[in-house]
Amino acid sequence: MEDLNEEKKSSKKTIIIIVVVVLLSIAAAVGGALFFMGKIPGMENNAPAAAAVPTGPQITPSNSVYYAMEPAFVINFHAGRKQRFMQVYVAVKAQSESALSQVEQHSPVIRNNLNVLFGKQDFESLQTPEGKEEMRQAATQAVQEVLAKYGNGATIDEVLFTNFVMQ
């Protein structure tokens, strides 16, 4: 009879220990997520943000203005038997607010054309700096073509890739 009571006490202790460990793990995961997202007051994360370029027109000392196209472009590729992905954060640089307002106004057409352009790229060539630069120049030309067709005559200087990830 005494062994039966000891087994019950032992199994209750084991269950309590497991429950406590699980609860502590959940609390640590939530706390870590809040810390890295910067949601805990006084515990700001000093890591750089993935999309460091703010959305909307921004004036800089060189009189250039920038517009970040949000959300990022995500493209999938078939590289041999593997499925590959590319994520590109795009910003547009111009000399006038009117050019960026045209980019913002026609952003659905621009996003469509950039998606088509990015999807036509060869995954292997994009792994080289030259391939990335060629695609960036082609993206600049694609945006300029949309503005020439639909805009008011304003044009952009260039398209910038503020973050470029391939896997």
Protein backbone atom coordinates (compact mmCIF):
# COMPACT_ATOMS: atom_id res chain seq x y z
CA MET A 1 0.00 0.00 0.00
CA GLU A 2 2.87 2.31 0.86
CA ASP A 3 4.51 1.69 -2.57
CA LEU A 4 1.29 2.67 -4.33
CA ASN A 5 1.15 6.01 -2.47
CA GLU A 6 4.81 6.69 -3.26
CA GLU A 7 4.21 5.98 -6.98
CA LYS A 8 1.23 8.36 -7.02
CA LYS A 9 3.29 11.08 -5.30
CA SER A 10 6.19 10.48 -7.69
CA SER A 11 3.99 10.67 -10.80
CA LYS A 12 2.29 13.84 -9.49
CA LYS A 13 5.71 15.44 -8.95
CA THR A 14 6.78 14.48 -12.47
CA ILE A 15 3.62 15.95 -13.98
CA ILE A 16 4.03 19.16 -11.97
CA ILE A 17 7.66 19.49 -13.06
CA ILE A 18 6.73 18.95 -16.72
CA VAL A 19 3.93 21.52 -16.52
CA VAL A 20 6.24 24.09 -14.91
CA VAL A 21 8.94 23.52 -17.54
CA VAL A 22 6.40 23.88 -20.38
CA LEU A 23 4.99 27.10 -18.88
CA LEU A 24 8.48 28.56 -18.42
CA SER A 25 9.35 27.66 -22.01
CA ILE A 26 6.23 29.39 -23.31
CA ALA A 27 6.92 32.47 -21.17
CA ALA A 28 10.52 32.62 -22.43
CA ALA A 29 9.38 32.32 -26.06
CA VAL A 30 6.78 35.09 -25.66
CA GLY A 31 9.24 37.31 -23.81
CA GLY A 32 11.92 36.77 -26.45
CA ALA A 33 9.49 37.53 -29.26
CA LEU A 34 8.32 40.72 -27.57
CA PHE A 35 11.92 41.76 -26.89
CA PHE A 36 13.01 41.31 -30.52
CA MET A 37 9.91 43.08 -31.80
CA GLY A 38 10.65 46.00 -29.48
CA LYS A 39 7.33 45.73 -27.63
CA ILE A 40 8.77 45.68 -24.10
CA PRO A 41 9.09 49.26 -22.72
CA GLY A 42 12.69 50.18 -21.97
CA MET A 43 14.00 47.11 -23.80
CA GLU A 44 14.32 48.39 -27.35
CA ASN A 45 16.06 46.18 -29.85
CA ASN A 46 19.05 47.93 -31.41
CA ALA A 47 19.17 45.61 -34.43
CA PRO A 48 18.65 47.32 -37.80
CA ALA A 49 15.20 46.97 -39.32
CA ALA A 50 14.79 44.81 -42.43
CA ALA A 51 13.16 47.63 -44.38
CA ALA A 52 15.23 50.61 -43.24
CA VAL A 53 13.87 52.91 -45.96
CA PRO A 54 10.64 54.51 -44.75
CA THR A 55 7.61 54.38 -47.02
CA GLY A 56 6.45 57.53 -48.75
CA PRO A 57 8.52 60.39 -50.11
CA GLN A 58 11.51 61.44 -48.00
CA ILE A 59 13.57 64.60 -48.61
CA THR A 60 17.34 64.33 -48.17
CA PRO A 61 20.07 67.00 -48.14
CA SER A 62 21.11 66.16 -51.74
CA ASN A 63 17.61 67.15 -52.94
CA SER A 64 16.94 63.54 -53.90
CA VAL A 65 13.71 62.03 -52.71
CA TYR A 66 13.05 58.36 -52.10
CA TYR A 67 9.99 56.14 -52.11
CA ALA A 68 10.06 52.63 -50.65
CA MET A 69 7.72 50.23 -52.42
CA GLU A 70 6.09 48.12 -49.74
CA PRO A 71 5.69 45.20 -49.34
CA ALA A 72 8.83 43.52 -50.62
CA PHE A 73 8.76 41.58 -53.88
CA VAL A 74 8.93 37.80 -53.37
CA ILE A 75 9.67 35.69 -56.44
CA ASN A 76 9.99 31.92 -56.71
CA PHE A 77 12.27 30.13 -59.16
CA HIS A 78 12.72 26.57 -60.33
CA ALA A 79 16.46 25.92 -60.20
CA GLY A 80 16.89 22.35 -61.34
CA ARG A 81 14.82 20.21 -59.03
CA LYS A 82 14.81 22.75 -56.22
CA GLN A 83 12.38 25.53 -55.49
CA ARG A 84 14.28 28.80 -54.87
CA PHE A 85 13.08 32.18 -53.62
CA MET A 86 14.17 35.78 -53.95
CA GLN A 87 12.99 38.68 -51.77
CA VAL A 88 13.75 42.22 -52.91
CA TYR A 89 12.98 45.46 -51.10
CA VAL A 90 12.77 48.22 -53.72
CA ALA A 91 13.15 51.98 -53.30
CA VAL A 92 12.84 54.56 -56.06
CA LYS A 93 15.11 57.62 -56.18
CA ALA A 94 14.04 60.82 -57.94
CA GLN A 95 14.78 64.54 -57.93
CA SER A 96 11.21 65.73 -57.41
CA GLU A 97 8.19 65.02 -55.28
CA SER A 98 6.02 65.00 -58.40
CA ALA A 99 7.97 62.07 -59.82
CA LEU A 100 7.47 60.08 -56.63
CA SER A 101 3.79 60.96 -56.49
CA GLN A 102 3.53 59.55 -60.03
CA VAL A 103 5.34 56.40 -58.88
CA GLU A 104 2.91 56.09 -55.98
CA GLN A 105 -0.12 56.75 -58.18
CA HIS A 106 0.92 54.14 -60.76
CA SER A 107 2.39 51.67 -58.28
CA PRO A 108 0.00 48.81 -59.25
CA VAL A 109 1.27 48.90 -62.86
CA ILE A 110 4.87 49.34 -61.68
CA ARG A 111 4.59 46.44 -59.21
CA ASN A 112 3.08 44.24 -61.93
CA ASN A 113 5.86 45.04 -64.40
CA LEU A 114 8.57 44.53 -61.77
CA ASN A 115 7.04 41.18 -60.75
CA VAL A 116 7.11 40.06 -64.39
CA LEU A 117 10.68 41.33 -64.81
CA PHE A 118 11.94 39.66 -61.64
CA GLY A 119 10.19 36.39 -62.51
CA LYS A 120 11.94 36.21 -65.89
CA GLN A 121 15.40 36.34 -64.36
CA ASP A 122 17.78 33.40 -64.25
CA PHE A 123 18.46 32.32 -60.66
CA GLU A 124 22.11 31.50 -61.36
CA SER A 125 22.90 34.87 -62.95
CA LEU A 126 21.35 36.72 -60.00
CA GLN A 127 23.96 35.22 -57.72
CA THR A 128 26.61 37.44 -59.30
CA PRO A 129 26.99 41.18 -58.63
CA GLU A 130 26.77 41.81 -62.38
CA GLY A 131 23.47 39.93 -62.65
CA LYS A 132 21.99 41.91 -59.77
CA GLU A 133 23.14 45.19 -61.31
CA GLU A 134 21.66 44.26 -64.70
CA MET A 135 18.34 43.47 -63.04
CA ARG A 136 18.45 46.76 -61.09
CA GLN A 137 19.04 48.70 -64.31
CA ALA A 138 16.24 46.80 -66.05
CA ALA A 139 13.95 47.64 -63.11
CA THR A 140 14.88 51.33 -63.44
CA GLN A 141 14.02 51.19 -67.13
CA ALA A 142 10.71 49.41 -66.41
CA VAL A 143 9.64 52.13 -63.95
CA GLN A 144 10.70 54.88 -66.37
CA GLU A 145 8.65 53.25 -69.14
CA VAL A 146 5.52 53.19 -66.96
CA LEU A 147 6.00 56.86 -66.06
CA ALA A 148 6.55 57.75 -69.72
CA LYS A 149 3.36 55.96 -70.72
CA TYR A 150 1.03 56.95 -67.85
CA GLY A 151 2.75 59.81 -66.02
CA ASN A 152 2.93 63.56 -66.40
CA GLY A 153 6.45 63.69 -67.83
CA ALA A 154 8.28 63.35 -64.51
CA THR A 155 10.96 60.67 -64.36
CA ILE A 156 13.01 58.85 -61.75
CA ASP A 157 16.78 58.61 -61.36
CA GLU A 158 17.06 54.97 -60.45
CA VAL A 159 15.62 51.96 -58.68
CA LEU A 160 17.54 50.81 -55.61
CA PHE A 161 17.51 47.39 -53.98
CA THR A 162 17.60 48.15 -50.25
CA ASN A 163 17.53 44.49 -49.26
CA PHE A 164 18.13 41.48 -51.51
CA VAL A 165 17.81 37.91 -50.26
CA MET A 166 18.02 34.68 -52.26
CA GLN A 167 17.73 31.14 -51.01
